[in-house]
N, C-alpha and C. Protein backbone atom coordinates (compact mmCIF):
# COMPACT_ATOMS: atom_id res chain seq x y z
N MET A 1 97.62 133.87 -17.13
CA MET A 1 97.84 134.03 -15.47
C MET A 1 99.14 134.27 -15.61
N GLN A 2 100.05 133.51 -16.02
CA GLN A 2 101.52 133.82 -15.40
C GLN A 2 101.81 135.25 -16.12
N ASP A 3 101.60 135.81 -17.07
CA ASP A 3 101.64 137.27 -17.09
C ASP A 3 101.53 138.22 -16.28
N ASP A 4 99.79 137.40 -15.90
CA ASP A 4 99.33 138.39 -14.86
C ASP A 4 99.86 138.61 -13.34
N THR A 5 100.24 137.42 -13.06
CA THR A 5 101.36 137.16 -11.66
C THR A 5 102.24 137.74 -11.68
N LEU A 6 103.46 137.81 -12.54
CA LEU A 6 104.67 138.34 -13.18
C LEU A 6 104.15 140.42 -13.02
N ASN A 7 103.14 140.62 -13.44
CA ASN A 7 103.02 142.13 -13.60
C ASN A 7 102.54 142.57 -12.12
N LYS A 8 102.05 141.53 -11.45
CA LYS A 8 101.41 141.90 -9.83
C LYS A 8 102.72 142.33 -9.28
N ILE A 9 103.68 140.93 -9.01
CA ILE A 9 104.82 140.40 -8.60
C ILE A 9 105.91 141.89 -8.95
N TYR A 10 105.93 142.51 -10.14
CA TYR A 10 106.62 143.64 -10.57
C TYR A 10 106.07 145.05 -9.77
N GLU A 11 104.66 145.30 -9.59
CA GLU A 11 104.40 146.32 -8.88
C GLU A 11 104.49 146.15 -8.03
N GLN A 12 104.67 144.78 -6.93
CA GLN A 12 104.70 144.71 -5.50
C GLN A 12 106.01 145.35 -5.02
N LEU A 13 107.16 144.72 -6.13
CA LEU A 13 108.40 144.98 -5.51
C LEU A 13 109.15 146.50 -5.82
N SER A 14 108.02 147.31 -6.56
CA SER A 14 108.48 148.56 -6.72
C SER A 14 108.26 149.02 -5.04
N SER A 15 107.91 148.52 -4.28
CA SER A 15 107.60 149.42 -2.95
C SER A 15 108.45 148.85 -1.67
N VAL A 16 109.12 147.81 -2.14
CA VAL A 16 110.18 147.19 -1.59
C VAL A 16 111.68 147.53 -1.61
N ASN A 17 112.53 147.94 -1.08
CA ASN A 17 113.88 148.50 -1.30
C ASN A 17 114.94 147.15 -0.93
N ILE A 18 114.49 146.46 -0.04
CA ILE A 18 115.88 145.27 0.49
C ILE A 18 115.18 144.18 -0.07
N MET A 19 116.63 143.07 -0.18
CA MET A 19 116.53 142.06 -0.29
C MET A 19 117.04 141.40 0.85
N GLN A 20 117.27 139.47 0.56
CA GLN A 20 118.38 139.21 1.36
C GLN A 20 118.37 138.11 0.33
N LEU A 21 119.73 138.05 0.44
CA LEU A 21 120.44 137.77 -1.01
C LEU A 21 121.28 136.07 -0.56
N ALA A 22 121.02 135.22 -0.89
CA ALA A 22 121.72 133.70 -0.29
C ALA A 22 122.75 133.30 -1.43
N THR A 23 124.31 133.22 -0.88
CA THR A 23 125.04 132.30 -1.93
C THR A 23 125.72 131.08 -1.18
N SER A 24 126.68 130.92 -1.75
CA SER A 24 127.34 129.81 -0.90
C SER A 24 128.61 129.50 -1.94
N ASP A 25 129.65 129.27 -1.11
CA ASP A 25 130.82 128.71 -1.96
C ASP A 25 131.43 127.05 -0.86
N ASN A 26 131.78 126.25 -1.50
CA ASN A 26 131.88 124.86 -1.16
C ASN A 26 131.14 124.58 0.16
N ASN A 27 129.73 124.42 -0.16
CA ASN A 27 128.74 123.98 0.57
C ASN A 27 128.64 124.73 1.74
N LEU A 28 129.14 126.28 2.00
CA LEU A 28 128.78 126.71 3.31
C LEU A 28 127.88 127.95 2.91
N PRO A 29 126.45 128.10 3.24
CA PRO A 29 125.91 129.49 3.24
C PRO A 29 126.36 130.62 3.76
N TRP A 30 125.44 131.49 2.83
CA TRP A 30 125.77 133.00 3.20
C TRP A 30 124.42 133.62 2.74
N ILE A 31 124.32 134.30 4.09
CA ILE A 31 123.10 135.25 3.44
C ILE A 31 123.23 136.88 3.78
N CYS A 32 123.21 137.93 2.91
CA CYS A 32 123.30 139.22 3.47
C CYS A 32 122.25 140.22 3.06
N SER A 33 121.99 141.19 2.98
CA SER A 33 121.09 142.23 2.70
C SER A 33 121.30 143.43 1.85
N LEU A 34 120.48 143.20 0.78
CA LEU A 34 120.98 144.47 -0.31
C LEU A 34 119.85 145.55 -0.49
N HIS A 35 120.11 146.46 -0.73
CA HIS A 35 119.05 147.34 -1.50
C HIS A 35 119.08 146.95 -2.86
N PHE A 36 117.82 147.04 -3.80
CA PHE A 36 117.34 146.44 -5.12
C PHE A 36 116.85 147.42 -5.90
N TYR A 37 116.87 146.45 -7.18
CA TYR A 37 115.82 147.51 -7.83
C TYR A 37 115.37 146.15 -8.66
N ALA A 38 114.25 146.04 -8.98
CA ALA A 38 113.68 144.83 -9.80
C ALA A 38 112.97 145.67 -11.65
N ASP A 39 113.33 144.65 -12.55
CA ASP A 39 113.15 145.51 -13.73
C ASP A 39 111.83 144.57 -14.31
N LYS A 40 111.10 144.90 -15.37
CA LYS A 40 109.86 144.16 -15.79
C LYS A 40 110.06 142.69 -15.93
N GLY A 41 110.77 142.30 -15.88
CA GLY A 41 111.56 140.51 -16.17
C GLY A 41 112.13 140.13 -14.67
N ILE A 42 111.50 140.91 -13.60
CA ILE A 42 112.06 140.38 -12.18
C ILE A 42 113.54 140.10 -12.28
N ASN A 43 113.98 140.79 -13.11
CA ASN A 43 115.62 140.54 -13.14
C ASN A 43 115.99 141.58 -11.90
N LEU A 44 116.48 141.37 -10.84
CA LEU A 44 117.52 142.06 -9.64
C LEU A 44 118.17 142.82 -9.74
N TYR A 45 118.77 143.88 -9.48
CA TYR A 45 119.96 144.49 -9.63
C TYR A 45 120.33 145.07 -8.44
N TRP A 46 121.60 145.14 -8.08
CA TRP A 46 121.65 145.96 -6.90
C TRP A 46 123.56 146.19 -7.11
N ILE A 47 123.99 147.48 -6.21
CA ILE A 47 125.54 147.19 -6.76
C ILE A 47 126.09 146.64 -4.94
N SER A 48 127.38 146.24 -5.60
CA SER A 48 128.42 146.07 -4.17
C SER A 48 129.37 145.75 -4.86
N ARG A 49 130.62 146.00 -3.82
CA ARG A 49 132.04 145.77 -4.13
C ARG A 49 132.37 144.74 -4.30
N GLU A 50 133.25 144.45 -5.43
CA GLU A 50 133.92 143.16 -5.67
C GLU A 50 134.74 142.47 -4.65
N ASP A 51 134.62 143.19 -3.68
CA ASP A 51 135.57 142.26 -1.98
C ASP A 51 134.66 141.79 -0.74
N ARG A 52 133.47 141.94 -1.35
CA ARG A 52 132.14 141.50 -0.39
C ARG A 52 132.14 139.81 -1.04
N ARG A 53 131.87 139.53 0.72
CA ARG A 53 131.64 137.87 0.55
C ARG A 53 130.97 137.56 -0.46
N HIS A 54 129.47 138.01 -0.61
CA HIS A 54 128.71 137.76 -1.64
C HIS A 54 129.23 137.61 -2.82
N SER A 55 129.73 138.80 -3.33
CA SER A 55 130.00 139.28 -4.43
C SER A 55 131.55 137.94 -4.73
N LYS A 56 132.68 137.37 -3.81
CA LYS A 56 133.23 136.64 -3.92
C LYS A 56 132.78 135.64 -4.50
N GLU A 57 131.64 134.79 -3.63
CA GLU A 57 131.12 133.67 -4.12
C GLU A 57 130.68 133.96 -5.05
N ILE A 58 129.34 134.61 -5.88
CA ILE A 58 129.22 134.64 -7.07
C ILE A 58 129.92 134.52 -8.20
N LYS A 59 131.37 134.85 -8.09
CA LYS A 59 132.29 134.64 -9.02
C LYS A 59 132.51 133.33 -9.14
N LYS A 60 132.67 132.37 -8.10
CA LYS A 60 132.88 131.13 -7.89
C LYS A 60 131.57 130.52 -8.53
N ASN A 61 130.25 130.81 -7.81
CA ASN A 61 129.47 129.99 -8.01
C ASN A 61 127.90 130.87 -8.28
N SER A 62 127.61 131.20 -9.29
CA SER A 62 126.74 132.52 -9.59
C SER A 62 125.27 132.02 -9.27
N LYS A 63 124.88 130.51 -9.08
CA LYS A 63 123.34 129.90 -8.25
C LYS A 63 123.10 130.82 -7.26
N VAL A 64 122.18 131.36 -6.90
CA VAL A 64 121.81 131.82 -6.07
C VAL A 64 120.46 131.83 -5.53
N SER A 65 119.61 132.72 -4.48
CA SER A 65 118.41 132.90 -4.31
C SER A 65 118.17 133.85 -3.54
N ALA A 66 117.21 134.74 -3.85
CA ALA A 66 117.04 136.07 -2.71
C ALA A 66 115.63 135.66 -2.54
N VAL A 67 115.47 136.39 -1.13
CA VAL A 67 113.90 136.39 -0.94
C VAL A 67 113.90 138.06 -0.49
N ILE A 68 112.73 138.22 -0.41
CA ILE A 68 111.80 139.59 -0.47
C ILE A 68 110.82 139.42 0.13
N LEU A 69 110.57 140.16 1.38
CA LEU A 69 109.27 140.27 2.29
C LEU A 69 108.54 141.62 1.69
N ILE A 70 107.44 141.16 0.90
CA ILE A 70 106.55 142.44 0.60
C ILE A 70 105.60 143.51 1.22
N HIS A 71 104.89 142.18 1.94
CA HIS A 71 104.17 142.09 3.44
C HIS A 71 104.19 141.45 4.34
N GLU A 72 104.30 141.76 5.74
CA GLU A 72 104.01 140.96 6.31
C GLU A 72 102.71 141.00 7.33
N ASN A 73 101.94 140.65 7.80
CA ASN A 73 100.64 140.47 8.39
C ASN A 73 100.73 141.20 9.36
N THR A 74 99.60 141.93 9.94
CA THR A 74 99.32 142.92 10.92
C THR A 74 97.59 142.75 11.29
N SER A 75 97.56 143.09 12.42
CA SER A 75 96.20 142.99 12.23
C SER A 75 95.20 143.88 11.51
N PRO A 76 95.55 145.11 11.15
CA PRO A 76 94.82 145.73 10.42
C PRO A 76 94.43 145.13 8.92
N GLU A 77 95.58 144.55 8.56
CA GLU A 77 95.91 143.71 7.25
C GLU A 77 96.83 142.50 7.57
N ASP A 78 95.89 141.21 7.58
CA ASP A 78 96.12 139.76 8.23
C ASP A 78 96.59 139.12 6.80
N TYR A 79 97.52 139.83 6.20
CA TYR A 79 97.92 139.10 5.08
C TYR A 79 99.63 138.65 4.74
N VAL A 80 99.92 137.87 4.17
CA VAL A 80 101.33 137.78 3.65
C VAL A 80 101.73 137.53 2.62
N ILE A 81 102.60 138.86 2.13
CA ILE A 81 103.21 138.38 0.67
C ILE A 81 104.31 138.51 0.66
N GLY A 82 105.17 137.30 -0.20
CA GLY A 82 106.52 137.12 -0.17
C GLY A 82 107.09 136.55 -1.75
N LEU A 83 108.47 136.57 -1.98
CA LEU A 83 108.86 136.14 -3.00
C LEU A 83 110.24 135.59 -3.05
N THR A 84 110.79 134.40 -3.28
CA THR A 84 111.86 133.95 -3.34
C THR A 84 112.00 133.60 -4.75
N VAL A 85 113.16 133.93 -5.27
CA VAL A 85 113.70 133.77 -6.50
C VAL A 85 115.13 133.35 -6.45
N THR A 86 114.73 132.56 -7.55
CA THR A 86 116.16 131.51 -7.48
C THR A 86 116.25 131.64 -9.10
N GLY A 87 117.89 131.91 -9.35
CA GLY A 87 118.46 131.79 -10.61
C GLY A 87 120.10 132.11 -10.47
N GLU A 88 120.65 132.61 -11.79
CA GLU A 88 121.86 132.93 -11.85
C GLU A 88 122.31 134.46 -11.66
N ALA A 89 123.21 134.69 -10.97
CA ALA A 89 123.83 136.30 -10.46
C ALA A 89 125.17 136.18 -11.53
N GLU A 90 125.00 137.77 -11.54
CA GLU A 90 126.46 138.16 -12.56
C GLU A 90 127.22 139.45 -12.03
N LEU A 91 127.88 140.05 -12.39
CA LEU A 91 128.54 140.85 -12.05
C LEU A 91 128.31 141.61 -13.09
N ILE A 92 127.69 142.88 -13.61
CA ILE A 92 127.78 143.34 -14.91
C ILE A 92 128.18 144.69 -15.02
N GLY A 93 129.33 145.09 -14.02
CA GLY A 93 130.02 146.20 -14.02
C GLY A 93 129.49 147.61 -13.56
N GLU A 94 130.51 148.73 -14.07
CA GLU A 94 130.16 149.93 -13.86
C GLU A 94 128.54 150.40 -15.00
N LYS A 95 128.69 150.19 -15.74
CA LYS A 95 127.86 150.58 -16.80
C LYS A 95 126.68 149.55 -17.23
N PRO A 96 125.66 149.28 -16.24
CA PRO A 96 124.31 148.50 -16.31
C PRO A 96 123.89 148.35 -17.96
N GLY A 97 123.58 150.36 -18.37
CA GLY A 97 122.78 150.40 -19.17
C GLY A 97 122.14 151.71 -17.94
N ARG A 98 122.18 152.71 -19.03
CA ARG A 98 121.78 153.98 -18.52
C ARG A 98 120.12 153.87 -17.53
N ASP A 99 118.94 153.12 -18.39
CA ASP A 99 117.61 153.20 -17.88
C ASP A 99 118.08 152.57 -16.42
N ILE A 100 118.27 151.25 -16.47
CA ILE A 100 118.98 150.26 -15.10
C ILE A 100 119.54 151.11 -14.53
N ALA A 101 120.52 151.83 -14.50
CA ALA A 101 120.96 152.92 -13.37
C ALA A 101 120.39 153.75 -12.81
N THR A 102 119.28 154.46 -14.10
CA THR A 102 118.52 155.44 -13.48
C THR A 102 117.73 155.23 -12.62
N GLU A 103 117.02 153.76 -13.05
CA GLU A 103 115.45 153.04 -12.54
C GLU A 103 116.38 153.23 -10.90
N TYR A 104 117.76 152.40 -10.85
CA TYR A 104 118.20 151.99 -9.58
C TYR A 104 118.22 152.94 -8.51
N ALA A 105 118.97 154.17 -8.75
CA ALA A 105 119.44 155.49 -8.53
C ALA A 105 118.12 156.20 -7.56
N GLY A 106 116.80 156.35 -8.64
CA GLY A 106 115.76 156.80 -8.19
C GLY A 106 114.98 155.87 -7.30
N LYS A 107 114.91 154.88 -7.54
CA LYS A 107 113.97 154.01 -6.63
C LYS A 107 114.58 154.01 -4.93
N LEU A 108 115.71 154.14 -5.06
CA LEU A 108 116.55 154.02 -3.63
C LEU A 108 116.81 155.24 -3.32
N ASN A 109 116.46 156.25 -4.06
CA ASN A 109 116.80 157.69 -3.34
C ASN A 109 118.27 158.04 -2.92
N LYS A 110 119.11 157.99 -4.15
CA LYS A 110 120.32 157.50 -4.18
C LYS A 110 121.07 159.23 -4.71
N PRO A 111 121.77 159.08 -4.02
CA PRO A 111 122.80 160.73 -4.71
C PRO A 111 122.85 161.12 -6.13
N ALA A 112 122.69 162.27 -6.24
CA ALA A 112 122.72 162.35 -8.00
C ALA A 112 123.84 161.61 -8.61
N ASN A 113 125.15 161.89 -7.89
CA ASN A 113 126.07 161.39 -8.58
C ASN A 113 126.84 160.24 -8.44
N LEU A 114 126.16 159.52 -7.71
CA LEU A 114 126.41 157.96 -7.56
C LEU A 114 126.88 157.25 -8.77
N ILE A 115 125.79 157.39 -9.79
CA ILE A 115 126.26 156.40 -10.84
C ILE A 115 127.43 157.25 -11.77
N SER A 116 127.52 158.37 -12.14
CA SER A 116 128.78 158.38 -12.95
C SER A 116 130.11 158.33 -11.75
N ASP A 117 129.66 158.44 -10.37
CA ASP A 117 130.97 158.09 -9.49
C ASP A 117 131.39 156.78 -9.57
N ILE A 118 130.60 155.78 -9.96
CA ILE A 118 130.72 154.70 -10.11
C ILE A 118 130.99 154.06 -11.93
N GLU A 119 130.74 154.96 -12.66
CA GLU A 119 131.00 154.66 -13.90
C GLU A 119 132.64 155.63 -14.01
N ASN A 120 132.66 156.19 -13.36
CA ASN A 120 134.46 156.90 -13.56
C ASN A 120 135.15 155.94 -12.66
N GLY A 121 135.10 155.21 -11.52
CA GLY A 121 135.70 154.67 -10.65
C GLY A 121 136.01 155.55 -9.40
N ALA A 122 135.21 156.73 -8.92
CA ALA A 122 135.32 157.25 -8.08
C ALA A 122 135.01 156.50 -6.79
N ASN A 123 133.59 155.45 -7.05
CA ASN A 123 133.07 154.50 -6.18
C ASN A 123 133.44 153.26 -6.45
N PRO A 124 133.83 152.55 -5.48
CA PRO A 124 134.52 150.97 -5.79
C PRO A 124 133.22 149.96 -5.99
N HIS A 125 131.74 150.29 -6.45
CA HIS A 125 130.65 149.78 -6.37
C HIS A 125 130.60 149.48 -7.79
N LYS A 126 129.98 148.22 -7.80
CA LYS A 126 129.74 147.70 -9.12
C LYS A 126 128.27 147.43 -9.41
N PHE A 127 127.92 147.30 -10.51
CA PHE A 127 126.39 146.63 -10.32
C PHE A 127 126.38 145.27 -11.01
N TYR A 128 125.54 144.44 -9.97
CA TYR A 128 125.40 143.37 -10.15
C TYR A 128 123.83 142.94 -10.50
N ARG A 129 123.64 141.62 -10.97
CA ARG A 129 122.21 140.86 -11.85
C ARG A 129 121.86 139.58 -11.22
N LEU A 130 120.66 139.34 -10.98
CA LEU A 130 120.32 138.24 -10.42
C LEU A 130 119.34 138.06 -11.87
N LYS A 131 119.56 137.20 -12.59
CA LYS A 131 118.62 136.95 -13.47
C LYS A 131 118.01 135.56 -13.12
N PRO A 132 116.26 135.67 -12.62
CA PRO A 132 115.72 134.44 -12.19
C PRO A 132 115.40 133.42 -13.32
N SER A 133 115.63 131.67 -12.80
CA SER A 133 114.82 131.03 -13.36
C SER A 133 113.96 130.40 -12.88
N GLU A 134 113.29 130.75 -11.60
CA GLU A 134 112.64 130.27 -10.85
C GLU A 134 111.62 131.32 -9.83
N LEU A 135 110.32 131.65 -9.49
CA LEU A 135 109.82 132.33 -8.84
C LEU A 135 108.86 131.74 -8.16
N VAL A 136 109.15 131.83 -6.63
CA VAL A 136 107.74 131.61 -5.71
C VAL A 136 107.54 132.54 -4.94
N LEU A 137 106.27 132.94 -5.20
CA LEU A 137 105.27 133.94 -4.75
C LEU A 137 104.44 133.44 -3.74
N PHE A 138 104.85 133.37 -2.62
CA PHE A 138 103.52 133.09 -1.43
C PHE A 138 102.71 134.45 -0.96
N ASP A 139 101.59 134.50 -1.12
CA ASP A 139 100.97 135.41 -1.49
C ASP A 139 99.42 135.08 -0.73
N THR A 140 99.14 135.30 0.72
CA THR A 140 97.77 134.76 1.01
C THR A 140 96.67 135.87 1.03
N LYS A 141 96.93 137.15 0.13
CA LYS A 141 95.67 138.15 0.12
C LYS A 141 95.19 137.97 -1.50
N ASN A 142 96.20 137.67 -2.38
CA ASN A 142 95.87 137.75 -3.76
C ASN A 142 95.64 136.34 -4.15
N PHE A 143 95.97 135.49 -3.71
CA PHE A 143 95.77 133.81 -3.88
C PHE A 143 95.50 133.07 -2.61
N PRO A 144 94.04 133.35 -1.91
CA PRO A 144 93.72 132.91 -0.11
C PRO A 144 93.70 131.38 -0.55
N GLN A 145 93.46 130.82 -1.33
CA GLN A 145 93.30 129.45 -1.59
C GLN A 145 94.48 128.70 -1.57
N ASP A 146 95.33 129.18 -2.63
CA ASP A 146 96.56 128.49 -2.97
C ASP A 146 97.79 129.42 -3.27
N PRO A 147 97.68 129.51 -1.83
CA PRO A 147 98.81 131.32 -1.89
C PRO A 147 100.39 130.96 -2.19
N ARG A 148 100.79 129.84 -2.76
CA ARG A 148 102.13 129.54 -3.08
C ARG A 148 102.04 129.33 -4.32
N GLN A 149 102.65 130.47 -5.50
CA GLN A 149 102.56 130.04 -7.12
C GLN A 149 104.30 130.23 -7.36
N VAL A 150 104.45 129.46 -8.06
CA VAL A 150 105.21 128.99 -8.70
C VAL A 150 105.49 129.30 -10.42
N ILE A 151 106.35 130.22 -10.43
CA ILE A 151 106.30 130.32 -12.13
C ILE A 151 107.97 130.01 -12.69
N VAL A 152 107.72 129.35 -13.72
CA VAL A 152 109.35 129.28 -14.05
C VAL A 152 109.54 130.10 -15.47
N LEU A 153 110.90 130.37 -15.20
CA LEU A 153 110.64 131.42 -16.11
C LEU A 153 112.24 130.56 -17.30
């Protein structure tokens, strides 16, 4: 059951580009919106500059959460699907691995030179990863009787 749910989450995330990332420092929360790519393990990847508030806070406190709205209910499609991810975020740098970089750029229709510019320092962005420890899927379409599905990884 867990593997089926993880596969369903992975498929759903391929159609969504924005997540909200929550960080904190000294008990002061912060949330920002970021473009992301998810791999099959539901690791979330994004690029950011090291001088951004969320990047600085990750350096001090790697425990983060992210929320992703997959589907908002509408008149013709009256269901909600959302995902909350809790885990550890980390800076992985200019070279996250060719597969991750290629998938990230492809999913988000980034310019062809983005990855090489990051790798050679022409672009100041770095890759980050959120490695999940818990997923909370709220899905009234696929789990109408019990829409809150918790997966501990």
